[in-house]
Amino acid sequence: MGLLNSGALAFNSVLLLVCWSSVGTSLLVFMAVVDVQLAGIYVMGLVGIAHLFNAVDNIGSKHIIAFLFSFGILLLGLGMIKEAGIGLSESESVKAFIGFASEASVIGFAIGTIVALITRSSASVSMLVIILNISGVLPLHDAVTIVFGASAGSGLSVVMATSRMHGKMRQLAIYHSLVKIIGVVVLLPFFWLDQEWIKIVLLPFFTNLSVGTLIALIYFSLQLTGAITASLIQGKLLSLLNWLCPPILDEKLFTPLYIYPEASADADMAIILATKEQDRLLAALPEYLETIRLETETTLAKIPIDIRHSTACHLGNKIRSFMEETALHNDSETEIERIFALQSLNEAIMSLQNSLASFVETLQSIKNPDAGWTASMIEGLHFVLIMLAEALTKDGTEDRELLLTLTSDRSKLMDKIRDSMLSEKSGDLVERQALFVSTGIFERIIWLVRQIVLSKSPLNTVTST
């Protein structure tokens, strides 16, 4: 979901990644057959030595050490699960519970599903099942039944955990669940029709393998079957996902496309990437007015102003945090000057976004925005914002000079407009008040546009030198 949200991968690529990742997690189940706790202790020892020699101060080795730490914790956790499973096998209550689960396959399947919903991991449940089987508590048939239920339950747990998500994020969670369930649906009938199929099909080929390894192979076959089947019918699954959870209009509207944490170490690269993100915000400023421009019927006009504004502010905050991180990693006086200039520009853009949102929300209460001063302000401001985007993103010197002329002091003109509004006695009082307030916001927007144009030029000069 993080890769999809950042734009690093296309949606179809992410689906394939999710589809086959479950096959990779099967390795964890095979680890339950061997002793991995000692390996985890050695890995954690290496991490400790790396910290002792301050290897984490290097940006490149920092991520490697973090990965080793996570991997070591994983191995230690697997070892702890095995130890806990051995302790459970000696409990009389656990034996009674296993006896209850063995009464019917449906009960064992339900237990596997419920436990996986709680732990959110079919691999962990399968590992525990293998340990109980090795200890002689859980028969092979019941162990396999619980593994089937756990595989289905882990998919459902992802859907439950992402119940508040929408659009592509929600589709990704549902797809993960479908892959798990498909594997169970395809293989479960063979298991229930002939309960001896494990011995008939698998044992002749793997006579030298332990029963625990056979359970791990069955778990692997579940994931592999789901991945292959989902890959073959991915087009139909996409249609189903679009029906179950339609994409939302504002999705990925202002997700970061260029900035990423590692780039903050290089000031030149960071400024280039942050500038590209700011250019996206500048280019999208005219779209704020789409909801109140009556002649536009595009999809942009269908996105509510609160959603558009919140997503744009989210990107602005991301840029702010990114530049603060860049300032911490670079202490050169020239670099700091460029970073501060970019931060100042970012704050001006965010102030302009706030003013535009207030302007639109104020004019939305007017029933006839295409008449009189309202239409003039909307269309005039739309033209100025288009010029701003073109002048700054395309480095147009002539457009910049024209924009400075258009945004010069017009306070006397605005005062005359407000006086004429006050002198009018006709019309709804609420609409007249909204229009009066909008003139003040309009004046502030024009002033902010001028400040952005003036602040952009010094930054470009410093960057080019």
Foldseek 3Di string as FASTA:
>chain_A
DVCVLQVVDDLVVVLLVLLCVLLVLLVLLVCLVDQQLVVLVVLVVVLVVCVVVPVCVDVVVVVVSVVSNVVSVSSNVSNVLLVVLLVLLPDPVSLVVLVVLVPDLVSLLQVLLVVCLVVLDLSSLLSSLLSSVVNVSHPLLSSLSSSLSVLLNSLVSLLVVCVVDAASVNLSSNSSNQLSVQLSVVCVVVCVVDVCVLCVPPCVVPVVDDSSVSSSVSSSSSSVRSSVVCVVPVVVSVVVSCVVGNHDLCRSVLNQHFDDQVQLLPLLSLLVSLVVSVLSLLQCVLLLLLCVPVVDDDVSNVDDNVSVLVSSVVNLVVNLVSLVSSCVNDDDPLSNVLSVLSNVLSVLSNVLSVLSSLLNVLQVVPPCQCDDPSVVLSVVVSVLSNLLSCCQVVVPPVSLVVLLVVLPDPPVVLVVVLVVLVPDDDDDPSNSVSVSVSSVSSNVSSVSSNVSSVSRVVSVVSSVD
